[in-house]
Amino acid sequence: MNHAPSTSTRLTAPWKRLARGSSRSEWSRIASLRKQAVESRRPIGRQSSMRRVRASAAVLTIALCAAAHAQDIAPATAPPEGVVLERPEADPFVEVDGKYMVPYVATIPGTDVKFEMVPVPGGTFLLGSPEDEADRNDDEGPQIEIRVDPFWIGKYEITWAEYKQFMALQEHFKSFRQAGIREVTEERRIDAITAPSSLYDPSFTYDAGDDPRQPAATMTWYAALQYTKWLSILSGDFYRLPGEAEWEYACRAGTTSAWSFGDDADEIDEYAWLDDNADYERHRVGRKKPNPWRLYDMHGNVAEWVLDQYDEGGYTHLEPGKKYTAIEAIRWANEPDPLVARGGSWEMTADQLRSAARLASDNELWKQEDPNIPKSPWWFTTEPSTGVGFRIVRPWNVPATREEREIYWNTRAKKDQYAIRFRIESEGRGAEGLVDPELPSAISELRDK
């Protein structure tokens, strides 16, 4: 014989189903209705009791339906910047996990300065150049197979318009300190960055150009790291320098030729600013043809910092024949130099702009005209640093913890750490300050006083 479920069962089952996904307000409202329904079952007379139970059940059913409907129509959390849920009609886009990475334009918070990011698909490639490539250097091998996860990369190199927002932080941080606000405590030191000191000799840095659309240059590798930390915390997205393998993968854009446009050096004038056509200056970004993945100035204009320590022996830290991820392939920097810059600059020749070509930094040479002891941890003073800048990446797979992200933003070199503290604490050059989403409003409020 079939038995009808009890009133208690009819009331409790949908209650439990909804409660698992309901908000606190929905829970409280339905709890009140359930209590009324239970109380209505007190014996007052069979017919009256049944009428109350039916009425209460009907009210509860309406409440359950309304709550469920509210959940259905509630706006979903917006996808991250540069991600859409429907397949775009036009390239470029990259499909990942049922979502689509697309180009986006972002604004540095608190400013009207914009920057553009372009998606790069995941894949595999051979890092370095083949032994028979013309003008190949010994430090470009051995070739190693690398698997690269998807990421966004700057469409252009970081410009003066962008970098000068970062440079301005020195005065803001000093003003906060004088006002006794936003102090860097031990509890919040993880949110602190160091802003670069004023230029020792602006004419050196700006002699090759300081137009807002020209690439910024002469900053140290450490200063570039701090820029990415500042932008990351300010924007809420994780930005960093590319690893060397990620940079070459993006530069090649699926090609295996000496340059991303082919093997004919005679074509380079269409794609790059170099010593033959630059007329002794950096040029506005995006004036030459892009590579196949629509990235501009990957060859020439300014060489670009990557995360890796340089070794003249090439990729000796990687085992030939073994496959690595792009992150595994990074030679993490433990010394202040030499470090790697990629792509070549406006001061160099075509062979130095090849996709696999590497430039090693030299602090002694590049800071030769810096009279300070210790020398600046933020700026270079001597060629070829006039042709060194950077571009940023934003990986699809973000490190899970803040501690892991910090690895990409700070120097491990003790010599650099000493110079930074000495310059700030003993000489008052450069400044340390907190970065958080409230920083732009704090700057505005202090400026208005």
Protein backbone atom coordinates (compact mmCIF):
# COMPACT_ATOMS: atom_id res chain seq x y z
CA MET A 1 0.00 0.00 0.00
CA ASN A 2 1.24 3.48 -0.86
CA HIS A 3 1.33 6.05 1.89
CA ALA A 4 1.17 9.79 1.26
CA PRO A 5 4.14 11.60 2.75
CA SER A 6 3.48 13.34 6.02
CA THR A 7 3.03 17.10 6.14
CA SER A 8 6.35 17.32 7.93
CA THR A 9 8.11 15.56 5.06
CA ARG A 10 6.50 17.78 2.46
CA LEU A 11 7.65 20.88 4.32
CA THR A 12 11.15 19.76 5.24
CA ALA A 13 12.43 18.33 1.95
CA PRO A 14 12.21 21.50 -0.20
CA TRP A 15 13.40 23.53 2.77
CA LYS A 16 16.66 21.56 2.89
CA ARG A 17 17.15 21.74 -0.85
CA LEU A 18 16.83 25.52 -0.90
CA ALA A 19 18.80 26.12 2.28
CA ARG A 20 21.98 24.78 0.76
CA GLY A 21 22.13 27.65 -1.75
CA SER A 22 20.09 30.37 -0.06
CA SER A 23 21.21 33.66 1.34
CA ARG A 24 20.87 34.42 5.05
CA SER A 25 17.83 36.64 4.42
CA GLU A 26 16.10 33.90 2.42
CA TRP A 27 16.88 31.40 5.19
CA SER A 28 15.35 33.65 7.86
CA ARG A 29 12.21 34.37 5.81
CA ILE A 30 11.56 30.72 5.07
CA ALA A 31 12.31 29.71 8.67
CA SER A 32 9.58 32.07 9.81
CA LEU A 33 7.12 30.61 7.32
CA ARG A 34 8.04 27.07 8.30
CA LYS A 35 7.47 27.91 11.94
CA GLN A 36 4.01 29.27 11.09
CA ALA A 37 3.25 26.13 9.11
CA VAL A 38 4.31 23.85 11.96
CA GLU A 39 2.27 25.85 14.50
CA SER A 40 -0.76 25.58 12.22
CA ARG A 41 -0.80 21.81 12.79
CA ARG A 42 -1.79 22.14 16.45
CA PRO A 43 -5.11 20.30 17.01
CA ILE A 44 -7.99 22.78 16.72
CA GLY A 45 -10.34 20.51 14.92
CA ARG A 46 -9.68 18.21 12.00
CA GLN A 47 -11.12 20.34 9.18
CA SER A 48 -9.71 23.60 10.54
CA SER A 49 -6.31 21.99 11.06
CA MET A 50 -6.21 20.62 7.52
CA ARG A 51 -7.17 24.01 6.08
CA ARG A 52 -4.34 25.65 7.97
CA VAL A 53 -1.84 23.07 6.85
CA ARG A 54 -2.88 23.48 3.21
CA ALA A 55 -2.72 27.27 3.48
CA SER A 56 0.67 27.21 5.15
CA ALA A 57 2.05 24.75 2.63
CA ALA A 58 0.79 26.95 -0.17
CA VAL A 59 2.47 30.03 1.34
CA LEU A 60 5.71 28.13 1.82
CA THR A 61 5.59 26.84 -1.75
CA ILE A 62 5.21 30.40 -3.02
CA ALA A 63 8.15 31.50 -0.86
CA LEU A 64 10.32 28.66 -2.08
CA CYS A 65 9.52 29.42 -5.71
CA ALA A 66 10.17 33.14 -5.22
CA ALA A 67 13.51 32.48 -3.56
CA ALA A 68 14.53 30.02 -6.25
CA HIS A 69 13.47 32.50 -8.94
CA ALA A 70 15.51 35.22 -7.25
CA GLN A 71 18.53 32.95 -7.39
CA ASP A 72 17.95 32.24 -11.07
CA ILE A 73 17.79 35.91 -12.04
CA ALA A 74 20.52 37.15 -9.71
CA PRO A 75 23.41 38.57 -11.75
CA ALA A 76 26.34 36.19 -12.07
CA THR A 77 29.79 37.28 -10.99
CA ALA A 78 31.40 39.15 -13.87
CA PRO A 79 34.29 37.29 -15.54
CA PRO A 80 37.80 38.70 -15.03
CA GLU A 81 39.08 41.44 -17.29
CA GLY A 82 40.00 40.05 -20.69
CA VAL A 83 37.70 37.01 -20.35
CA VAL A 84 34.36 36.46 -22.08
CA LEU A 85 31.99 33.52 -21.84
CA GLU A 86 30.77 33.44 -25.43
CA ARG A 87 32.95 32.68 -28.42
CA PRO A 88 34.06 35.98 -30.00
CA GLU A 89 33.20 36.57 -33.64
CA ALA A 90 36.67 37.82 -34.55
CA ASP A 91 40.29 37.04 -33.73
CA PRO A 92 42.36 37.21 -31.67
CA PHE A 93 41.03 35.08 -28.85
CA VAL A 94 42.20 32.02 -26.94
CA GLU A 95 39.83 29.34 -25.64
CA VAL A 96 40.70 28.02 -22.18
CA ASP A 97 38.48 25.84 -19.98
CA GLY A 98 35.34 26.80 -21.87
CA LYS A 99 36.09 30.52 -21.57
CA TYR A 100 37.74 32.92 -24.01
CA MET A 101 40.75 35.13 -23.44
CA VAL A 102 40.45 38.31 -25.49
CA PRO A 103 42.45 41.53 -25.89
CA TYR A 104 41.61 44.25 -23.41
CA VAL A 105 42.44 47.85 -22.61
CA ALA A 106 43.02 48.65 -18.94
CA THR A 107 43.47 51.95 -17.14
CA ILE A 108 46.04 52.41 -14.39
CA PRO A 109 43.81 53.12 -11.34
CA GLY A 110 43.79 56.76 -10.31
CA THR A 111 44.99 57.94 -13.73
CA ASP A 112 43.72 58.25 -17.29
CA VAL A 113 46.69 56.28 -18.65
CA LYS A 114 45.74 53.13 -20.54
CA PHE A 115 47.61 50.01 -21.61
CA GLU A 116 46.66 47.14 -23.90
CA MET A 117 47.04 43.41 -23.36
CA VAL A 118 46.84 40.65 -25.99
CA PRO A 119 46.13 36.93 -25.34
CA VAL A 120 48.76 34.35 -26.24
CA PRO A 121 47.70 30.70 -26.71
CA GLY A 122 49.36 27.89 -24.84
CA GLY A 123 51.58 25.49 -26.75
CA THR A 124 55.06 24.04 -27.14
CA PHE A 125 58.16 25.32 -28.93
CA LEU A 126 61.92 25.01 -29.01
CA LEU A 127 63.67 27.62 -26.88
CA GLY A 128 66.88 28.91 -28.45
CA SER A 129 68.27 28.81 -31.97
CA PRO A 130 69.40 25.88 -34.13
CA GLU A 131 73.14 25.45 -34.57
CA ASP A 132 72.97 26.33 -38.27
CA GLU A 133 71.22 29.70 -37.80
CA ALA A 134 73.26 32.58 -39.23
CA ASP A 135 74.93 34.82 -36.63
CA ARG A 136 73.98 32.44 -33.84
CA ASN A 137 75.74 32.90 -30.49
CA ASP A 138 76.80 30.10 -28.14
CA ASP A 139 74.47 31.35 -25.39
CA GLU A 140 71.38 30.56 -27.52
CA GLY A 141 71.46 26.82 -26.93
CA PRO A 142 71.08 24.01 -26.54
CA GLN A 143 67.53 24.08 -27.87
CA ILE A 144 65.03 22.89 -25.26
CA GLU A 145 61.39 21.89 -25.73
CA ILE A 146 59.16 24.13 -23.60
CA ARG A 147 55.46 23.93 -22.81
CA VAL A 148 53.89 27.34 -22.31
CA ASP A 149 50.57 28.02 -20.59
CA PRO A 150 48.28 30.77 -21.94
CA PHE A 151 48.92 34.35 -20.87
CA TRP A 152 48.26 37.93 -21.84
CA ILE A 153 51.21 40.10 -22.85
CA GLY A 154 51.55 43.83 -23.40
CA LYS A 155 50.69 44.78 -26.96
CA TYR A 156 53.42 47.39 -26.62
CA GLU A 157 56.43 48.02 -24.44
CA ILE A 158 55.79 50.03 -21.25
CA THR A 159 55.72 53.69 -22.26
CA TRP A 160 56.81 56.84 -20.47
CA ALA A 161 53.14 57.71 -19.94
CA GLU A 162 52.81 54.53 -17.88
CA TYR A 163 56.19 54.53 -16.17
CA LYS A 164 56.05 58.15 -15.03
CA GLN A 165 52.98 57.29 -12.93
CA PHE A 166 55.22 54.87 -11.07
CA MET A 167 58.08 57.37 -10.83
CA ALA A 168 55.74 59.90 -9.20
CA LEU A 169 55.25 57.61 -6.20
CA GLN A 170 58.50 58.77 -4.57
CA GLU A 171 57.06 62.19 -3.75
CA HIS A 172 53.68 60.75 -2.74
CA PHE A 173 55.28 58.26 -0.35
CA LYS A 174 57.44 60.98 1.19
CA SER A 175 54.36 63.17 1.65
CA PHE A 176 52.53 60.33 3.42
CA ARG A 177 55.48 59.90 5.75
CA GLN A 178 55.57 63.61 6.58
CA ALA A 179 51.82 63.52 7.28
CA GLY A 180 52.22 60.45 9.49
CA ILE A 181 49.81 58.34 7.47
CA ARG A 182 49.98 55.03 5.58
CA GLU A 183 53.06 53.93 7.48
CA VAL A 184 54.87 50.76 6.46
CA THR A 185 54.51 48.54 9.53
CA GLU A 186 55.93 45.03 9.79
CA GLU A 187 52.42 43.64 9.51
CA ARG A 188 51.92 45.40 6.18
CA ARG A 189 55.42 45.28 4.74
CA ILE A 190 54.29 42.68 2.24
CA ASP A 191 52.16 45.44 0.63
CA ALA A 192 55.10 47.84 0.34
CA ILE A 193 57.15 48.72 -2.73
CA THR A 194 60.07 51.03 -3.27
CA ALA A 195 59.52 53.89 -5.70
CA PRO A 196 62.50 54.96 -7.82
CA SER A 197 64.59 57.96 -6.88
CA SER A 198 64.67 61.04 -9.04
CA LEU A 199 66.91 60.74 -12.07
CA TYR A 200 70.55 61.61 -11.36
CA ASP A 201 70.93 62.98 -14.88
CA PRO A 202 67.60 63.30 -16.73
CA SER A 203 69.36 64.40 -19.90
CA PHE A 204 70.94 60.95 -20.22
CA THR A 205 67.67 59.06 -19.83
CA TYR A 206 65.60 61.46 -21.93
CA ASP A 207 68.19 62.26 -24.58
CA ALA A 208 66.80 59.43 -26.73
CA GLY A 209 63.25 60.63 -26.11
CA ASP A 210 60.62 61.02 -23.38
CA ASP A 211 57.49 61.32 -25.50
CA PRO A 212 54.57 59.72 -23.59
CA ARG A 213 54.20 57.09 -26.34
CA GLN A 214 57.88 56.22 -26.49
CA PRO A 215 59.06 53.18 -24.52
CA ALA A 216 60.46 53.94 -21.08
CA ALA A 217 64.11 52.98 -20.65
CA THR A 218 67.21 52.94 -18.39
CA MET A 219 65.30 51.48 -15.42
CA THR A 220 66.93 48.54 -13.66
CA TRP A 221 65.55 45.02 -13.60
CA TYR A 222 64.61 45.53 -9.93
CA ALA A 223 62.68 48.70 -10.74
CA ALA A 224 60.75 46.81 -13.43
CA LEU A 225 59.86 44.10 -10.89
CA GLN A 226 58.55 46.72 -8.47
CA TYR A 227 56.48 48.30 -11.24
CA THR A 228 54.69 44.99 -11.80
CA LYS A 229 53.99 44.64 -8.07
CA TRP A 230 52.57 48.17 -7.92
CA LEU A 231 50.33 47.61 -10.92
CA SER A 232 49.19 44.19 -9.67
CA ILE A 233 48.09 45.31 -6.22
CA LEU A 234 46.55 48.49 -7.57
CA SER A 235 44.54 46.75 -10.29
CA GLY A 236 43.75 43.43 -8.62
CA ASP A 237 45.23 41.48 -11.56
CA PHE A 238 48.53 39.63 -11.38
CA TYR A 239 51.18 41.21 -13.62
CA ARG A 240 54.87 40.33 -13.84
CA LEU A 241 57.82 40.22 -16.19
CA PRO A 242 57.80 37.30 -18.62
CA GLY A 243 60.13 34.38 -18.16
CA GLU A 244 62.71 34.13 -20.93
CA ALA A 245 60.91 31.17 -22.51
CA GLU A 246 57.56 32.99 -22.43
CA TRP A 247 59.12 36.03 -24.07
CA GLU A 248 60.70 34.06 -26.92
CA TYR A 249 57.51 32.05 -27.43
CA ALA A 250 55.51 35.28 -27.79
CA CYS A 251 58.15 36.83 -30.05
CA ARG A 252 58.29 33.84 -32.40
CA ALA A 253 54.48 33.65 -32.53
CA GLY A 254 54.56 30.17 -34.00
CA THR A 255 57.54 30.76 -36.32
CA THR A 256 60.89 28.98 -36.35
CA SER A 257 62.77 31.53 -38.46
CA ALA A 258 65.51 33.89 -37.28
CA TRP A 259 62.99 36.73 -36.88
CA SER A 260 59.22 36.46 -36.51
CA PHE A 261 58.84 37.77 -40.09
CA GLY A 262 61.26 35.27 -41.67
CA ASP A 263 64.97 34.77 -42.36
CA ASP A 264 65.58 37.74 -44.64
CA ALA A 265 67.27 40.57 -42.73
CA ASP A 266 66.43 42.97 -45.57
CA GLU A 267 62.81 43.00 -44.37
CA ILE A 268 63.61 44.13 -40.85
CA ASP A 269 63.06 47.83 -41.57
CA GLU A 270 59.32 47.13 -41.79
CA TYR A 271 59.21 45.55 -38.33
CA ALA A 272 61.86 47.13 -36.12
CA TRP A 273 63.71 50.24 -35.01
CA LEU A 274 67.44 49.52 -35.03
CA ASP A 275 70.71 51.31 -35.63
CA ASP A 276 70.09 51.62 -39.38
CA ASN A 277 66.79 53.53 -39.11
CA ALA A 278 66.28 54.83 -35.57
CA ASP A 279 68.18 58.11 -36.06
CA TYR A 280 69.63 57.94 -32.52
CA GLU A 281 66.37 57.83 -30.61
CA ARG A 282 63.64 55.59 -29.28
CA HIS A 283 60.39 55.75 -31.25
CA ARG A 284 56.72 55.74 -30.39
CA VAL A 285 55.46 52.20 -29.87
CA GLY A 286 53.37 50.53 -32.56
CA ARG A 287 54.76 52.39 -35.57
CA LYS A 288 56.22 49.27 -37.23
CA LYS A 289 54.44 46.09 -38.35
CA PRO A 290 53.50 43.62 -35.58
CA ASN A 291 54.45 39.97 -35.39
CA PRO A 292 51.88 37.25 -36.30
CA TRP A 293 50.30 37.50 -32.85
CA ARG A 294 49.82 41.27 -33.19
CA LEU A 295 52.59 42.26 -30.79
CA TYR A 296 54.58 45.36 -31.69
CA ASP A 297 58.29 46.10 -31.31
CA MET A 298 59.26 42.60 -30.22
CA HIS A 299 62.33 43.24 -32.37
CA GLY A 300 64.13 46.49 -31.59
CA ASN A 301 63.10 49.86 -30.13
CA VAL A 302 64.09 48.76 -26.62
CA ALA A 303 65.40 45.42 -25.38
CA GLU A 304 63.05 43.97 -22.76
CA TRP A 305 63.79 42.65 -19.29
CA VAL A 306 62.79 39.07 -18.49
CA LEU A 307 62.94 37.26 -15.15
CA ASP A 308 66.04 35.18 -15.84
CA GLN A 309 69.62 35.31 -14.68
CA TYR A 310 72.02 35.25 -17.62
CA ASP A 311 74.58 32.49 -18.14
CA GLU A 312 77.04 32.76 -21.01
CA GLY A 313 76.87 28.98 -21.36
CA GLY A 314 73.25 29.26 -22.46
CA TYR A 315 70.57 26.97 -21.08
CA THR A 316 72.95 24.75 -19.15
CA HIS A 317 70.51 24.54 -16.23
CA LEU A 318 68.14 22.58 -18.50
CA GLU A 319 68.72 19.02 -19.65
CA PRO A 320 68.65 18.45 -23.43
CA GLY A 321 65.95 16.01 -24.49
CA LYS A 322 63.81 16.73 -21.45
CA LYS A 323 60.60 18.79 -21.64
CA TYR A 324 59.99 21.71 -19.28
CA THR A 325 57.23 24.16 -18.54
CA ALA A 326 58.02 27.82 -19.09
CA ILE A 327 58.11 28.37 -15.33
CA GLU A 328 60.39 25.39 -14.74
CA ALA A 329 62.73 26.81 -17.40
CA ILE A 330 63.29 30.11 -15.55
CA ARG A 331 66.82 30.53 -14.21
CA TRP A 332 65.85 32.46 -11.08
CA ALA A 333 68.12 35.40 -10.39
CA ASN A 334 70.13 35.31 -7.16
CA GLU A 335 72.71 37.91 -8.22
CA PRO A 336 72.18 41.55 -9.32
CA ASP A 337 73.79 40.82 -12.69
CA PRO A 338 74.14 39.64 -15.35
CA LEU A 339 70.43 39.43 -16.14
CA VAL A 340 68.70 38.84 -19.45
CA ALA A 341 67.05 41.37 -21.77
CA ARG A 342 65.49 40.24 -25.04
CA GLY A 343 64.65 41.61 -28.49
CA GLY A 344 67.53 44.01 -29.02
CA SER A 345 67.24 47.79 -29.23
CA TRP A 346 67.38 50.82 -31.48
CA GLU A 347 71.16 50.92 -30.88
CA MET A 348 71.81 47.41 -32.23
CA THR A 349 72.19 45.59 -35.52
CA ALA A 350 69.72 43.22 -37.17
CA ASP A 351 71.46 40.04 -36.00
CA GLN A 352 71.17 41.23 -32.38
CA LEU A 353 67.39 41.53 -32.84
CA ARG A 354 66.81 37.88 -33.76
CA SER A 355 64.11 35.99 -31.82
CA ALA A 356 66.71 33.89 -29.95
CA ALA A 357 69.29 36.66 -29.37
CA ARG A 358 70.08 37.52 -25.73
CA LEU A 359 71.53 40.62 -24.08
CA ALA A 360 73.36 40.29 -20.75
CA SER A 361 73.23 43.21 -18.34
CA ASP A 362 76.45 44.62 -16.88
CA ASN A 363 75.93 46.78 -13.79
CA GLU A 364 79.51 48.00 -13.67
CA LEU A 365 79.36 49.27 -17.23
CA TRP A 366 75.73 50.37 -17.29
CA LYS A 367 76.15 52.40 -14.05
CA GLN A 368 79.59 53.68 -14.90
CA GLU A 369 78.59 57.36 -14.64
CA ASP A 370 76.65 56.97 -11.40
CA PRO A 371 78.84 58.75 -8.76
CA ASN A 372 76.98 57.31 -5.78
CA ILE A 373 78.14 54.52 -3.47
CA PRO A 374 76.24 52.25 -3.49
CA LYS A 375 75.01 52.93 -6.99
CA SER A 376 71.31 53.36 -7.75
CA PRO A 377 69.17 50.23 -7.54
CA TRP A 378 66.58 51.91 -9.82
CA TRP A 379 68.46 53.58 -12.68
CA PHE A 380 71.29 53.08 -15.15
CA THR A 381 73.43 55.92 -16.44
CA THR A 382 75.42 54.57 -19.35
CA GLU A 383 74.83 53.01 -22.77
CA PRO A 384 73.52 50.53 -23.84
CA SER A 385 70.93 50.94 -21.06
CA THR A 386 69.33 53.75 -23.08
CA GLY A 387 67.90 50.88 -25.11
CA VAL A 388 66.58 48.72 -22.25
CA GLY A 389 62.94 48.70 -21.11
CA PHE A 390 60.28 46.05 -20.56
CA ARG A 391 56.77 44.79 -21.25
CA ILE A 392 54.48 42.92 -18.88
CA VAL A 393 52.56 39.66 -18.88
CA ARG A 394 49.50 38.44 -17.01
CA PRO A 395 49.37 34.62 -16.75
CA TRP A 396 46.15 32.66 -17.01
CA ASN A 397 47.32 30.46 -14.13
CA VAL A 398 47.95 32.75 -11.19
CA PRO A 399 50.14 31.57 -8.27
CA ALA A 400 47.88 30.38 -5.47
CA THR A 401 49.40 32.34 -2.58
CA ARG A 402 50.66 35.85 -1.98
CA GLU A 403 54.05 34.44 -1.00
CA GLU A 404 54.35 32.72 -4.39
CA ARG A 405 53.46 35.94 -6.21
CA GLU A 406 56.06 37.89 -4.25
CA ILE A 407 58.79 35.75 -5.85
CA TYR A 408 58.07 37.49 -9.16
CA TRP A 409 58.15 41.00 -7.68
CA ASN A 410 61.28 41.23 -5.53
CA THR A 411 65.01 40.80 -5.85
CA ARG A 412 66.79 37.96 -4.09
CA ALA A 413 70.20 39.61 -4.46
CA LYS A 414 71.51 40.70 -1.05
CA LYS A 415 73.69 43.37 -2.67
CA ASP A 416 70.57 44.96 -4.18
CA GLN A 417 68.67 44.68 -0.90
CA TYR A 418 71.46 46.51 0.94
CA ALA A 419 71.64 49.28 -1.69
CA ILE A 420 67.86 49.79 -1.55
CA ARG A 421 67.75 50.15 2.24
CA PHE A 422 70.84 52.39 2.33
CA ARG A 423 69.56 54.75 -0.37
CA ILE A 424 66.15 55.14 1.27
CA GLU A 425 67.07 55.18 4.97
CA SER A 426 70.46 56.90 4.89
CA GLU A 427 70.25 59.17 1.86
CA GLY A 428 66.52 59.80 1.47
CA ARG A 429 66.60 58.81 -2.19
CA GLY A 430 63.74 56.73 -3.43
CA ALA A 431 60.93 55.95 -1.03
CA GLU A 432 59.04 53.03 0.45
CA GLY A 433 55.27 53.04 0.68
CA LEU A 434 52.14 50.93 0.82
CA VAL A 435 50.18 49.92 -2.25
CA ASP A 436 46.52 48.99 -2.00
CA PRO A 437 43.28 49.88 -3.81
CA GLU A 438 42.94 52.99 -1.60
CA LEU A 439 46.25 54.47 -2.77
CA PRO A 440 44.81 56.65 -5.60
CA SER A 441 42.21 58.25 -3.30
CA ALA A 442 44.86 58.79 -0.60
CA ILE A 443 47.06 60.59 -3.12
CA SER A 444 44.13 62.72 -4.26
CA GLU A 445 43.11 63.64 -0.70
CA LEU A 446 46.64 64.65 0.26
CA ARG A 447 47.02 66.70 -2.91
CA ASP A 448 43.77 68.58 -2.17
CA LYS A 449 44.82 69.62 1.35
